[in-house]
Amino acid sequence: MSPFRWYMPTCLHLGAGALDLLSNLPLPGEKALVVTGAGGSTRRFGSLERTLALLGGRGCEVVVFDKVSPNPVAEQVDEGAKLGRKEGCDFVVGLGGGSSLDASKSIAFMLSNEGAYWDYMGGKTGKNKPPQHPARPVVAIPTTSGTGSETDPWTVITRLESREKLGWGCDSTFPRLALVDPTLMLSVPPDITAMTGMDAFFHAVEAYVATCHQPGCDALALDVVARIAQWLPKAVHHPADLEARTQMAWAATEAGICESLSSCISHHSLEHALSAFHPELPHGAGLTLLSMAYFSSLLPAVPERMADLAKAMGQKAQAEAFLLGLEKLIVEVGLKGLKLSDYGVAPGEFPALAKNALDVMGFLFRVTPMKQDESVLIQILQQAWRA
């Protein structure tokens, strides 16, 4: 067994009614910057109003930043941090899907550090500036079951002008507190439920096959895969099924823990390139569109691990059976009809997309269990395009 690190500082409360704990749990500050999406779903379905009321009811001052886009961009991080500094906010509450939670962690980091967010990034154009101070504390309240951002340090932000969608994080960007309330997810429509659920599924699959996997992650990842194979179709087709929502809430959170203990692999690098070029492409949809071609290519490199994943999905314990289980799940959650062309992706972009994946998120290729160059990535894109 290789040496590994285990660091999980987030206090997690999961279950129906978890949001109400905001009224009495210790808070990590006195004035909150509540970060949420620009689409208005947290207002429309009442979770923002409830959150503000719970914080205000205990005398906590609150400022709202509601400009986060589905693929959050660096300018939104800088704008949110500027507002938080101006108002004297000393902690951040992230409320919404993965984009809102990611933005909340990046904003919390910039509340403590000077300059622009991209100064601290790597990729092609970042300055790799070392942080002067740890991030402000974050309270994470997810309203979808997808990214698992509530229990990991990672935050994915896009720089539009250079087409860089970059994951980043450090020990201080782990949320201090996570309130995972599946009742907040009952209003999520079936297509978003499916896409976010598939994101969680691939977090677990990638963490299981990554070269840096470790025993704790292995156990959790197989449980995530089994749980999602059973419960995601039910959550998609029966949105008001609280048990299905609760099972998916835990699966997504559990998959976020897998990301912290292991890592995603180049599947995510290639999708980040796709949605950096096409920001309207939902992350979970992009991963799903790439998945059959990507894992067909990866299969010979890790046959035993793929067989384990197949067995967890209720298939025969054979590597090739993972692809059967994956295709079955994609059909069952209603994503089989999606095509890359639906989001404007064109074959002429494939060389640039492959290069972008290697340049911007190249660090994930180091934990991918096979060597992949631009030609391999172009072949995966071509196969995905023809599917």
Protein backbone atom coordinates (compact mmCIF):
# COMPACT_ATOMS: atom_id res chain seq x y z
CA MET A 1 0.00 0.00 0.00
CA SER A 2 1.37 3.42 -0.96
CA PRO A 3 1.49 6.30 1.54
CA PHE A 4 -1.53 8.61 1.48
CA ARG A 5 -2.98 11.69 3.15
CA TRP A 6 -6.41 12.03 4.79
CA TYR A 7 -7.60 15.52 5.64
CA MET A 8 -11.35 16.14 5.99
CA PRO A 9 -12.03 19.20 8.15
CA THR A 10 -15.67 19.85 7.11
CA CYS A 11 -18.42 19.38 9.69
CA LEU A 12 -21.26 17.73 7.74
CA HIS A 13 -24.95 17.56 8.60
CA LEU A 14 -27.05 15.63 6.06
CA GLY A 15 -30.76 14.91 6.07
CA ALA A 16 -34.20 16.43 5.63
CA GLY A 17 -34.37 19.67 7.61
CA ALA A 18 -30.60 20.17 7.80
CA LEU A 19 -30.96 23.78 6.66
CA ASP A 20 -32.86 24.60 9.87
CA LEU A 21 -29.71 23.82 11.87
CA LEU A 22 -28.44 27.18 10.64
CA SER A 23 -30.53 28.70 13.44
CA ASN A 24 -28.46 27.22 16.27
CA LEU A 25 -25.15 25.76 15.07
CA PRO A 26 -22.05 27.85 15.82
CA LEU A 27 -21.24 30.18 12.93
CA PRO A 28 -17.66 30.94 11.87
CA GLY A 29 -18.22 34.71 11.84
CA GLU A 30 -20.58 37.59 12.52
CA LYS A 31 -21.37 38.98 9.05
CA ALA A 32 -22.08 36.67 6.12
CA LEU A 33 -21.71 37.17 2.40
CA VAL A 34 -24.33 34.85 0.91
CA VAL A 35 -23.24 33.75 -2.58
CA THR A 36 -25.84 32.32 -4.94
CA GLY A 37 -26.67 31.95 -8.62
CA ALA A 38 -27.81 34.59 -11.07
CA GLY A 39 -30.57 32.32 -12.40
CA GLY A 40 -32.81 33.01 -9.43
CA SER A 41 -33.78 29.43 -8.52
CA THR A 42 -32.84 29.90 -4.85
CA ARG A 43 -35.17 32.92 -4.73
CA ARG A 44 -37.89 31.20 -6.77
CA PHE A 45 -38.01 28.10 -4.59
CA GLY A 46 -37.53 29.89 -1.27
CA SER A 47 -34.16 28.55 -0.09
CA LEU A 48 -32.53 32.00 -0.18
CA GLU A 49 -35.35 33.59 1.83
CA ARG A 50 -35.17 30.77 4.39
CA THR A 51 -31.40 31.06 4.68
CA LEU A 52 -31.53 34.83 5.19
CA ALA A 53 -34.30 34.46 7.76
CA LEU A 54 -32.38 31.81 9.72
CA LEU A 55 -29.23 33.91 9.78
CA GLY A 56 -31.06 37.13 10.54
CA GLY A 57 -33.08 35.46 13.28
CA ARG A 58 -29.93 34.93 15.31
CA GLY A 59 -28.61 38.44 14.76
CA CYS A 60 -26.15 37.63 11.97
CA GLU A 61 -25.73 40.45 9.46
CA VAL A 62 -26.09 39.38 5.82
CA VAL A 63 -25.07 40.70 2.39
CA VAL A 64 -26.20 38.90 -0.79
CA PHE A 65 -24.13 38.40 -3.95
CA ASP A 66 -26.36 36.78 -6.58
CA LYS A 67 -24.40 37.08 -9.83
CA VAL A 68 -22.86 33.61 -10.20
CA SER A 69 -23.30 32.05 -13.64
CA PRO A 70 -23.62 28.28 -14.30
CA ASN A 71 -19.92 28.20 -15.27
CA PRO A 72 -18.61 30.90 -12.88
CA VAL A 73 -15.97 33.27 -14.23
CA ALA A 74 -13.04 35.05 -12.62
CA GLU A 75 -14.65 38.48 -12.87
CA GLN A 76 -17.57 37.29 -10.72
CA VAL A 77 -15.14 36.08 -8.05
CA ASP A 78 -13.38 39.44 -7.98
CA GLU A 79 -16.70 41.34 -7.91
CA GLY A 80 -18.06 39.21 -5.07
CA ALA A 81 -14.87 39.59 -3.05
CA LYS A 82 -14.90 43.36 -3.59
CA LEU A 83 -18.45 43.54 -2.24
CA GLY A 84 -17.57 41.33 0.74
CA ARG A 85 -14.54 43.41 1.66
CA LYS A 86 -16.49 46.67 1.30
CA GLU A 87 -19.26 45.36 3.59
CA GLY A 88 -16.86 43.86 6.14
CA CYS A 89 -18.06 40.26 5.74
CA ASP A 90 -15.98 37.78 7.72
CA PHE A 91 -17.40 34.51 6.36
CA VAL A 92 -19.20 33.24 3.27
CA VAL A 93 -22.34 31.16 2.82
CA GLY A 94 -22.52 29.33 -0.52
CA LEU A 95 -26.12 28.48 -1.48
CA GLY A 96 -27.04 26.69 -4.69
CA GLY A 97 -25.55 24.23 -7.12
CA GLY A 98 -21.90 23.45 -7.61
CA SER A 99 -21.23 26.73 -9.41
CA SER A 100 -22.43 28.78 -6.44
CA LEU A 101 -20.46 26.67 -3.99
CA ASP A 102 -17.30 26.87 -6.11
CA ALA A 103 -17.65 30.64 -6.44
CA SER A 104 -18.25 30.98 -2.69
CA LYS A 105 -14.95 29.23 -1.92
CA SER A 106 -13.03 31.35 -4.43
CA ILE A 107 -14.64 34.53 -3.08
CA ALA A 108 -13.80 33.47 0.49
CA PHE A 109 -10.20 33.06 -0.60
CA MET A 110 -10.14 36.52 -2.18
CA LEU A 111 -11.67 38.14 0.90
CA SER A 112 -8.30 37.44 2.55
CA ASN A 113 -5.92 38.04 -0.35
CA GLU A 114 -5.07 41.04 -2.49
CA GLY A 115 -5.14 41.49 -6.24
CA ALA A 116 -7.17 39.53 -8.78
CA TYR A 117 -8.23 35.91 -8.43
CA TRP A 118 -6.39 34.80 -11.56
CA ASP A 119 -3.10 36.06 -10.07
CA TYR A 120 -3.15 32.93 -7.89
CA MET A 121 -4.00 30.46 -10.66
CA GLY A 122 -1.70 28.40 -12.85
CA GLY A 123 -2.86 27.16 -16.24
CA LYS A 124 -1.69 29.09 -19.28
CA THR A 125 -2.09 32.68 -18.06
CA GLY A 126 -2.14 32.61 -14.25
CA LYS A 127 0.73 34.08 -12.24
CA ASN A 128 0.95 31.27 -9.65
CA LYS A 129 1.14 33.88 -6.92
CA PRO A 130 1.41 32.25 -3.47
CA PRO A 131 -1.48 33.10 -1.11
CA GLN A 132 -0.67 35.49 1.70
CA HIS A 133 -3.56 34.38 3.92
CA PRO A 134 -6.01 31.45 4.26
CA ALA A 135 -9.54 31.77 2.92
CA ARG A 136 -12.34 33.09 5.09
CA PRO A 137 -14.60 30.34 6.49
CA VAL A 138 -17.30 28.92 4.21
CA VAL A 139 -20.69 27.43 5.06
CA ALA A 140 -21.84 25.31 2.10
CA ILE A 141 -25.53 24.63 1.41
CA PRO A 142 -25.99 22.64 -1.81
CA THR A 143 -29.33 22.61 -3.63
CA THR A 144 -28.32 19.96 -6.21
CA SER A 145 -26.71 16.52 -5.96
CA GLY A 146 -23.70 16.80 -8.21
CA THR A 147 -20.34 18.38 -7.55
CA GLY A 148 -19.84 17.40 -3.91
CA SER A 149 -18.25 20.83 -3.51
CA GLU A 150 -19.63 20.98 0.03
CA THR A 151 -16.99 18.52 1.28
CA ASP A 152 -13.96 19.21 -0.89
CA PRO A 153 -11.59 22.17 -1.31
CA TRP A 154 -11.89 22.39 -5.10
CA THR A 155 -13.31 25.32 -6.98
CA VAL A 156 -13.63 25.50 -10.77
CA ILE A 157 -13.55 28.98 -12.32
CA THR A 158 -13.31 30.06 -15.98
CA ARG A 159 -11.27 32.85 -17.53
CA LEU A 160 -13.28 33.57 -20.66
CA GLU A 161 -10.74 35.57 -22.65
CA SER A 162 -8.16 32.76 -22.60
CA ARG A 163 -10.69 29.89 -22.56
CA GLU A 164 -9.31 28.43 -19.35
CA LYS A 165 -11.62 26.49 -17.03
CA LEU A 166 -9.36 25.65 -14.13
CA GLY A 167 -9.79 23.66 -10.95
CA TRP A 168 -7.92 24.88 -7.89
CA GLY A 169 -8.05 24.62 -4.12
CA CYS A 170 -6.06 24.48 -0.88
CA ASP A 171 -6.61 23.31 2.68
CA SER A 172 -8.29 26.56 3.69
CA THR A 173 -10.93 26.31 0.93
CA PHE A 174 -12.57 23.26 2.49
CA PRO A 175 -15.96 24.45 3.80
CA ARG A 176 -16.03 24.77 7.56
CA LEU A 177 -19.66 23.59 7.72
CA ALA A 178 -21.87 21.75 5.18
CA LEU A 179 -25.66 21.55 5.51
CA VAL A 180 -26.94 19.01 2.97
CA ASP A 181 -30.75 19.13 3.00
CA PRO A 182 -32.40 16.91 0.36
CA THR A 183 -35.69 18.82 0.69
CA LEU A 184 -33.94 21.70 -1.11
CA MET A 185 -33.42 19.36 -4.07
CA LEU A 186 -37.04 18.33 -4.59
CA SER A 187 -37.58 21.20 -7.03
CA VAL A 188 -34.61 20.35 -9.29
CA PRO A 189 -35.97 19.41 -12.76
CA PRO A 190 -35.28 15.94 -14.20
CA ASP A 191 -32.65 16.99 -16.76
CA ILE A 192 -30.60 18.87 -14.17
CA THR A 193 -31.03 16.00 -11.71
CA ALA A 194 -29.65 13.63 -14.35
CA MET A 195 -26.70 15.83 -15.36
CA THR A 196 -25.62 16.66 -11.83
CA GLY A 197 -26.03 13.04 -10.76
CA MET A 198 -23.80 11.88 -13.60
CA ASP A 199 -21.18 14.42 -12.49
CA ALA A 200 -21.15 12.78 -9.06
CA PHE A 201 -20.96 9.34 -10.68
CA PHE A 202 -17.86 10.27 -12.68
CA HIS A 203 -16.18 11.84 -9.65
CA ALA A 204 -16.33 8.43 -7.98
CA VAL A 205 -15.35 6.44 -11.07
CA GLU A 206 -12.36 8.67 -11.80
CA ALA A 207 -11.22 8.70 -8.18
CA TYR A 208 -11.35 4.88 -8.15
CA VAL A 209 -9.15 4.44 -11.23
CA ALA A 210 -6.76 7.37 -10.56
CA THR A 211 -3.21 6.27 -9.80
CA CYS A 212 -3.38 8.12 -6.47
CA HIS A 213 -6.40 6.16 -5.17
CA GLN A 214 -6.26 4.93 -1.59
CA PRO A 215 -8.24 2.47 0.58
CA GLY A 216 -10.69 4.93 2.10
CA CYS A 217 -11.54 6.42 -1.26
CA ASP A 218 -11.88 2.97 -2.86
CA ALA A 219 -14.59 1.93 -0.41
CA LEU A 220 -16.49 5.19 -0.75
CA ALA A 221 -16.21 5.28 -4.55
CA LEU A 222 -17.70 1.82 -5.04
CA ASP A 223 -20.54 2.75 -2.70
CA VAL A 224 -21.20 5.93 -4.72
CA VAL A 225 -21.32 4.01 -7.99
CA ALA A 226 -23.72 1.41 -6.58
CA ARG A 227 -25.91 4.05 -4.95
CA ILE A 228 -26.18 6.24 -8.06
CA ALA A 229 -26.89 3.29 -10.35
CA GLN A 230 -29.83 2.41 -8.09
CA TRP A 231 -31.18 5.81 -7.07
CA LEU A 232 -30.44 8.36 -9.81
CA PRO A 233 -33.06 6.97 -12.24
CA LYS A 234 -35.62 7.10 -9.42
CA ALA A 235 -34.74 10.72 -8.59
CA VAL A 236 -35.02 11.65 -12.28
CA HIS A 237 -38.38 9.99 -12.86
CA HIS A 238 -39.87 10.67 -9.42
CA PRO A 239 -38.53 14.10 -8.40
CA ALA A 240 -40.65 14.28 -5.24
CA ASP A 241 -39.29 10.97 -3.88
CA LEU A 242 -37.52 12.19 -0.74
CA GLU A 243 -35.73 8.87 -0.19
CA ALA A 244 -34.26 9.02 -3.72
CA ARG A 245 -33.22 12.63 -3.15
CA THR A 246 -31.62 11.76 0.19
CA GLN A 247 -29.72 8.84 -1.31
CA MET A 248 -28.46 11.06 -4.14
CA ALA A 249 -27.55 13.86 -1.72
CA TRP A 250 -25.31 11.46 0.18
CA ALA A 251 -23.89 9.93 -3.01
CA ALA A 252 -22.87 13.35 -4.34
CA THR A 253 -21.38 14.41 -1.00
CA GLU A 254 -19.59 11.08 -0.71
CA ALA A 255 -18.20 11.53 -4.24
CA GLY A 256 -16.88 14.94 -3.20
CA ILE A 257 -15.01 13.22 -0.38
CA CYS A 258 -13.56 10.83 -2.98
CA GLU A 259 -12.22 13.84 -4.87
CA SER A 260 -10.48 15.00 -1.71
CA LEU A 261 -8.95 11.61 -0.92
CA SER A 262 -7.99 10.74 -4.49
CA SER A 263 -8.46 12.81 -7.67
CA CYS A 264 -10.36 13.20 -10.88
CA ILE A 265 -8.48 12.21 -14.04
CA SER A 266 -8.18 13.57 -17.59
CA HIS A 267 -11.86 12.90 -18.34
CA HIS A 268 -12.48 16.09 -16.37
CA SER A 269 -9.62 17.93 -18.11
CA LEU A 270 -11.18 17.23 -21.50
CA GLU A 271 -14.65 18.28 -20.38
CA HIS A 272 -13.29 21.50 -18.90
CA ALA A 273 -11.86 22.30 -22.32
CA LEU A 274 -15.26 21.67 -23.91
CA SER A 275 -17.15 23.94 -21.54
CA ALA A 276 -14.41 26.59 -21.61
CA PHE A 277 -15.02 26.84 -25.36
CA HIS A 278 -18.79 26.41 -24.93
CA PRO A 279 -19.87 27.82 -21.54
CA GLU A 280 -23.50 26.90 -22.22
CA LEU A 281 -22.56 23.20 -22.00
CA PRO A 282 -23.51 21.86 -18.53
CA HIS A 283 -20.58 20.09 -16.91
CA GLY A 284 -22.47 16.86 -16.24
CA ALA A 285 -23.71 16.76 -19.82
CA GLY A 286 -20.19 17.23 -21.17
CA LEU A 287 -18.82 14.42 -19.02
CA THR A 288 -21.63 12.13 -20.13
CA LEU A 289 -21.13 12.94 -23.81
CA LEU A 290 -17.43 12.07 -23.55
CA SER A 291 -17.81 9.08 -21.26
CA MET A 292 -18.41 6.09 -23.54
CA ALA A 293 -15.53 7.03 -25.84
CA TYR A 294 -13.24 8.04 -22.97
CA PHE A 295 -13.69 4.92 -20.86
CA SER A 296 -13.57 2.63 -23.90
CA SER A 297 -10.07 4.04 -24.46
CA LEU A 298 -9.10 3.72 -20.78
CA LEU A 299 -10.48 0.21 -20.26
CA PRO A 300 -7.34 -1.79 -21.18
CA ALA A 301 -5.20 0.21 -18.72
CA VAL A 302 -7.20 -0.73 -15.60
CA PRO A 303 -9.26 -3.85 -16.36
CA GLU A 304 -9.48 -5.06 -12.75
CA ARG A 305 -10.70 -1.70 -11.47
CA MET A 306 -13.21 -1.41 -14.30
CA ALA A 307 -14.48 -4.89 -13.39
CA ASP A 308 -14.96 -3.73 -9.78
CA LEU A 309 -16.99 -0.74 -10.99
CA ALA A 310 -19.09 -2.96 -13.25
CA LYS A 311 -19.90 -5.25 -10.32
CA ALA A 312 -20.89 -2.23 -8.20
CA MET A 313 -23.39 -1.28 -10.93
CA GLY A 314 -24.97 -4.74 -10.83
CA GLN A 315 -23.18 -6.02 -13.94
CA LYS A 316 -20.86 -9.00 -14.34
CA ALA A 317 -17.44 -8.44 -12.75
CA GLN A 318 -15.81 -7.91 -16.14
CA ALA A 319 -14.09 -4.77 -17.42
CA GLU A 320 -16.22 -4.56 -20.59
CA ALA A 321 -19.38 -4.81 -18.50
CA PHE A 322 -18.67 -1.35 -17.06
CA LEU A 323 -19.48 0.12 -20.47
CA LEU A 324 -22.75 -1.83 -20.55
CA GLY A 325 -23.68 -0.51 -17.12
CA LEU A 326 -22.70 3.03 -18.06
CA GLU A 327 -24.75 3.01 -21.24
CA LYS A 328 -27.73 1.55 -19.36
CA LEU A 329 -27.52 4.32 -16.75
CA ILE A 330 -27.28 7.04 -19.41
CA VAL A 331 -30.41 5.65 -21.07
CA GLU A 332 -32.30 5.32 -17.78
CA VAL A 333 -31.69 8.95 -16.79
CA GLY A 334 -32.76 10.28 -20.19
CA LEU A 335 -29.40 11.58 -21.48
CA LYS A 336 -28.90 9.15 -24.35
CA GLY A 337 -30.17 11.62 -26.98
CA LEU A 338 -27.64 14.37 -26.23
CA LYS A 339 -25.01 15.19 -28.85
CA LEU A 340 -21.91 17.41 -28.80
CA SER A 341 -23.32 19.29 -31.78
CA ASP A 342 -26.33 20.31 -29.64
CA TYR A 343 -23.96 22.70 -27.83
CA GLY A 344 -22.12 24.01 -30.88
CA VAL A 345 -19.07 21.75 -30.66
CA ALA A 346 -17.53 21.27 -34.12
CA PRO A 347 -14.89 18.76 -35.33
CA GLY A 348 -12.62 21.59 -36.43
CA GLU A 349 -12.13 22.48 -32.74
CA PHE A 350 -10.83 19.07 -31.69
CA PRO A 351 -7.08 19.87 -31.93
CA ALA A 352 -7.56 23.10 -29.95
CA LEU A 353 -9.71 21.30 -27.35
CA ALA A 354 -7.10 18.56 -26.90
CA LYS A 355 -4.32 21.13 -26.50
CA ASN A 356 -6.40 23.15 -24.04
CA ALA A 357 -7.03 20.06 -21.89
CA LEU A 358 -3.31 19.34 -21.69
CA ASP A 359 -2.27 22.98 -21.14
CA VAL A 360 -4.88 24.07 -18.57
CA MET A 361 -5.68 20.93 -16.57
CA GLY A 362 -2.54 18.96 -17.42
CA PHE A 363 -1.97 18.00 -13.78
CA LEU A 364 -4.86 15.49 -13.98
CA PHE A 365 -3.04 13.62 -16.74
CA ARG A 366 -0.34 12.79 -14.18
CA VAL A 367 -2.80 10.64 -12.19
CA THR A 368 -4.53 9.12 -15.24
CA PRO A 369 -3.59 5.42 -15.56
CA MET A 370 -2.52 5.63 -19.21
CA LYS A 371 -0.44 8.02 -21.29
CA GLN A 372 -2.58 10.35 -23.39
CA ASP A 373 -1.28 12.86 -25.90
CA GLU A 374 -3.16 15.17 -28.25
CA SER A 375 -3.72 12.43 -30.81
CA VAL A 376 -5.40 10.16 -28.22
CA LEU A 377 -7.65 12.99 -27.03
CA ILE A 378 -8.63 13.88 -30.60
CA GLN A 379 -9.58 10.25 -31.20
CA ILE A 380 -11.78 10.30 -28.08
CA LEU A 381 -13.47 13.49 -29.27
CA GLN A 382 -14.02 12.04 -32.73
CA GLN A 383 -15.59 8.89 -31.30
CA ALA A 384 -17.79 10.92 -28.94
CA TRP A 385 -18.86 13.13 -31.85
CA ARG A 386 -19.97 10.14 -33.91
CA ALA A 387 -21.94 8.55 -31.06
